[in-house]
Amino acid sequence: MARKTNYKFEKLDRERRKAEKKAAKAEAKKAAMAQNADSLAPTDDDQPAERNNDDTLSE
């Protein structure tokens, strides 16, 4: 005789795997956003050089 299927267990297992996958994607996205934010953050080298205003006309 064939074994009775356990649909509840299978559904819970699918939902657990789906939740794990969703959490992994969220973690990867969070890490990517943090890495992207770090690479876009201005550094001292990215700042424009200060201009010397000695060349302007004085009144």
N, C-alpha and C. Protein backbone atom coordinates (compact mmCIF):
# COMPACT_ATOMS: atom_id res chain seq x y z
N MET A 1 0.84 -1.18 0.00
CA MET A 1 0.00 0.00 0.00
C MET A 1 0.88 1.24 0.00
N ALA A 2 0.49 2.24 -0.76
CA ALA A 2 1.27 3.47 -0.90
C ALA A 2 1.14 4.32 0.36
N ARG A 3 2.18 5.01 0.63
CA ARG A 3 2.19 5.88 1.81
C ARG A 3 1.36 7.14 1.54
N LYS A 4 0.64 7.60 2.55
CA LYS A 4 -0.17 8.81 2.42
C LYS A 4 0.77 10.02 2.38
N THR A 5 0.51 10.94 1.46
CA THR A 5 1.36 12.12 1.33
C THR A 5 1.11 13.08 2.48
N ASN A 6 2.15 13.80 2.83
CA ASN A 6 2.07 14.76 3.93
C ASN A 6 2.15 16.17 3.33
N TYR A 7 1.04 16.65 2.84
CA TYR A 7 1.01 17.94 2.16
C TYR A 7 1.41 19.10 3.08
N LYS A 8 1.00 19.02 4.34
CA LYS A 8 1.33 20.09 5.28
C LYS A 8 2.84 20.22 5.44
N PHE A 9 3.53 19.08 5.60
CA PHE A 9 4.98 19.11 5.74
C PHE A 9 5.64 19.67 4.48
N GLU A 10 5.17 19.23 3.32
CA GLU A 10 5.74 19.70 2.06
C GLU A 10 5.55 21.21 1.91
N LYS A 11 4.37 21.69 2.28
CA LYS A 11 4.11 23.13 2.18
C LYS A 11 5.00 23.91 3.13
N LEU A 12 5.12 23.44 4.36
CA LEU A 12 5.99 24.12 5.33
C LEU A 12 7.44 24.11 4.86
N ASP A 13 7.86 23.00 4.26
CA ASP A 13 9.24 22.91 3.76
C ASP A 13 9.46 23.90 2.62
N ARG A 14 8.51 24.00 1.71
CA ARG A 14 8.62 24.97 0.60
C ARG A 14 8.69 26.39 1.14
N GLU A 15 7.81 26.69 2.10
CA GLU A 15 7.80 28.04 2.68
C GLU A 15 9.09 28.35 3.42
N ARG A 16 9.67 27.37 4.10
CA ARG A 16 10.94 27.56 4.80
C ARG A 16 12.07 27.86 3.82
N ARG A 17 12.11 27.06 2.73
CA ARG A 17 13.14 27.29 1.71
C ARG A 17 12.96 28.66 1.05
N LYS A 18 11.71 29.04 0.80
CA LYS A 18 11.43 30.34 0.20
C LYS A 18 11.89 31.47 1.13
N ALA A 19 11.62 31.34 2.43
CA ALA A 19 12.03 32.35 3.40
C ALA A 19 13.55 32.44 3.48
N GLU A 20 14.24 31.29 3.44
CA GLU A 20 15.71 31.30 3.47
C GLU A 20 16.26 32.00 2.23
N LYS A 21 15.68 31.71 1.09
CA LYS A 21 16.13 32.33 -0.16
C LYS A 21 15.90 33.84 -0.13
N LYS A 22 14.73 34.24 0.39
CA LYS A 22 14.40 35.66 0.46
C LYS A 22 15.36 36.38 1.41
N ALA A 23 15.68 35.75 2.54
CA ALA A 23 16.61 36.35 3.50
C ALA A 23 18.01 36.47 2.91
N ALA A 24 18.43 35.46 2.15
CA ALA A 24 19.75 35.50 1.52
C ALA A 24 19.82 36.62 0.49
N LYS A 25 18.75 36.79 -0.29
CA LYS A 25 18.72 37.87 -1.28
C LYS A 25 18.75 39.23 -0.61
N ALA A 26 18.01 39.36 0.50
CA ALA A 26 17.98 40.64 1.22
C ALA A 26 19.36 40.95 1.80
N GLU A 27 20.04 39.95 2.32
CA GLU A 27 21.39 40.14 2.87
C GLU A 27 22.37 40.54 1.77
N ALA A 28 22.26 39.88 0.61
CA ALA A 28 23.14 40.20 -0.51
C ALA A 28 22.88 41.63 -1.00
N LYS A 29 21.62 42.00 -1.06
CA LYS A 29 21.27 43.36 -1.49
C LYS A 29 21.80 44.39 -0.51
N LYS A 30 21.66 44.10 0.79
CA LYS A 30 22.15 45.00 1.82
C LYS A 30 23.67 45.16 1.72
N ALA A 31 24.37 44.06 1.50
CA ALA A 31 25.83 44.11 1.37
C ALA A 31 26.22 44.90 0.12
N ALA A 32 25.49 44.70 -0.96
CA ALA A 32 25.79 45.41 -2.20
C ALA A 32 25.55 46.90 -2.04
N MET A 33 24.47 47.26 -1.35
CA MET A 33 24.17 48.68 -1.12
C MET A 33 25.26 49.32 -0.26
N ALA A 34 25.72 48.60 0.76
CA ALA A 34 26.77 49.12 1.63
C ALA A 34 28.07 49.30 0.85
N GLN A 35 28.38 48.33 0.01
CA GLN A 35 29.60 48.41 -0.78
C GLN A 35 29.49 49.55 -1.78
N ASN A 36 28.33 49.71 -2.40
CA ASN A 36 28.11 50.77 -3.37
C ASN A 36 28.19 52.14 -2.69
N ALA A 37 27.63 52.25 -1.51
CA ALA A 37 27.66 53.52 -0.78
C ALA A 37 29.10 53.87 -0.40
N ASP A 38 29.89 52.88 -0.04
CA ASP A 38 31.29 53.13 0.31
C ASP A 38 32.08 53.60 -0.91
N SER A 39 31.78 53.02 -2.06
CA SER A 39 32.53 53.40 -3.25
C SER A 39 32.11 54.77 -3.77
N LEU A 40 30.89 55.20 -3.45
CA LEU A 40 30.42 56.50 -3.91
C LEU A 40 30.70 57.62 -2.91
N ALA A 41 31.12 57.27 -1.72
CA ALA A 41 31.38 58.28 -0.69
C ALA A 41 32.56 59.15 -1.13
N PRO A 42 32.43 60.46 -1.01
CA PRO A 42 33.52 61.33 -1.42
C PRO A 42 34.72 61.18 -0.47
N THR A 43 35.88 61.24 -1.06
CA THR A 43 37.11 61.19 -0.28
C THR A 43 37.81 62.52 -0.42
N ASP A 44 38.88 62.71 0.30
CA ASP A 44 39.63 63.96 0.21
C ASP A 44 40.19 64.18 -1.18
N ASP A 45 40.53 63.09 -1.88
CA ASP A 45 41.07 63.21 -3.23
C ASP A 45 40.01 63.65 -4.22
N ASP A 46 38.75 63.38 -3.93
CA ASP A 46 37.67 63.72 -4.85
C ASP A 46 37.25 65.18 -4.73
N GLN A 47 37.65 65.87 -3.68
CA GLN A 47 37.25 67.25 -3.47
C GLN A 47 38.01 68.16 -4.44
N PRO A 48 37.34 69.17 -4.97
CA PRO A 48 38.04 70.09 -5.87
C PRO A 48 39.09 70.90 -5.09
N ALA A 49 40.14 71.23 -5.76
CA ALA A 49 41.20 72.00 -5.13
C ALA A 49 40.68 73.39 -4.78
N GLU A 50 41.13 73.92 -3.66
CA GLU A 50 40.70 75.26 -3.26
C GLU A 50 41.35 76.27 -4.21
N ARG A 51 40.55 77.24 -4.57
CA ARG A 51 41.05 78.25 -5.49
C ARG A 51 41.63 79.41 -4.70
N ASN A 52 42.67 79.92 -5.22
CA ASN A 52 43.30 81.08 -4.62
C ASN A 52 42.68 82.30 -5.28
N ASN A 53 42.10 83.19 -4.51
CA ASN A 53 41.39 84.34 -5.05
C ASN A 53 42.29 85.58 -5.15
N ASP A 54 43.59 85.40 -5.17
CA ASP A 54 44.51 86.53 -5.29
C ASP A 54 44.43 87.17 -6.65
N ASP A 55 43.95 86.47 -7.65
CA ASP A 55 43.90 86.98 -9.02
C ASP A 55 42.69 87.89 -9.25
N THR A 56 41.79 87.98 -8.31
CA THR A 56 40.60 88.80 -8.51
C THR A 56 40.95 90.27 -8.30
N LEU A 57 40.14 91.13 -8.86
CA LEU A 57 40.38 92.55 -8.74
C LEU A 57 39.88 93.04 -7.39
N SER A 58 40.63 93.89 -6.75
CA SER A 58 40.18 94.46 -5.48
C SER A 58 39.58 95.83 -5.74
N GLU A 59 38.64 96.15 -4.92
CA GLU A 59 38.00 97.45 -5.10
C GLU A 59 38.57 98.46 -4.16
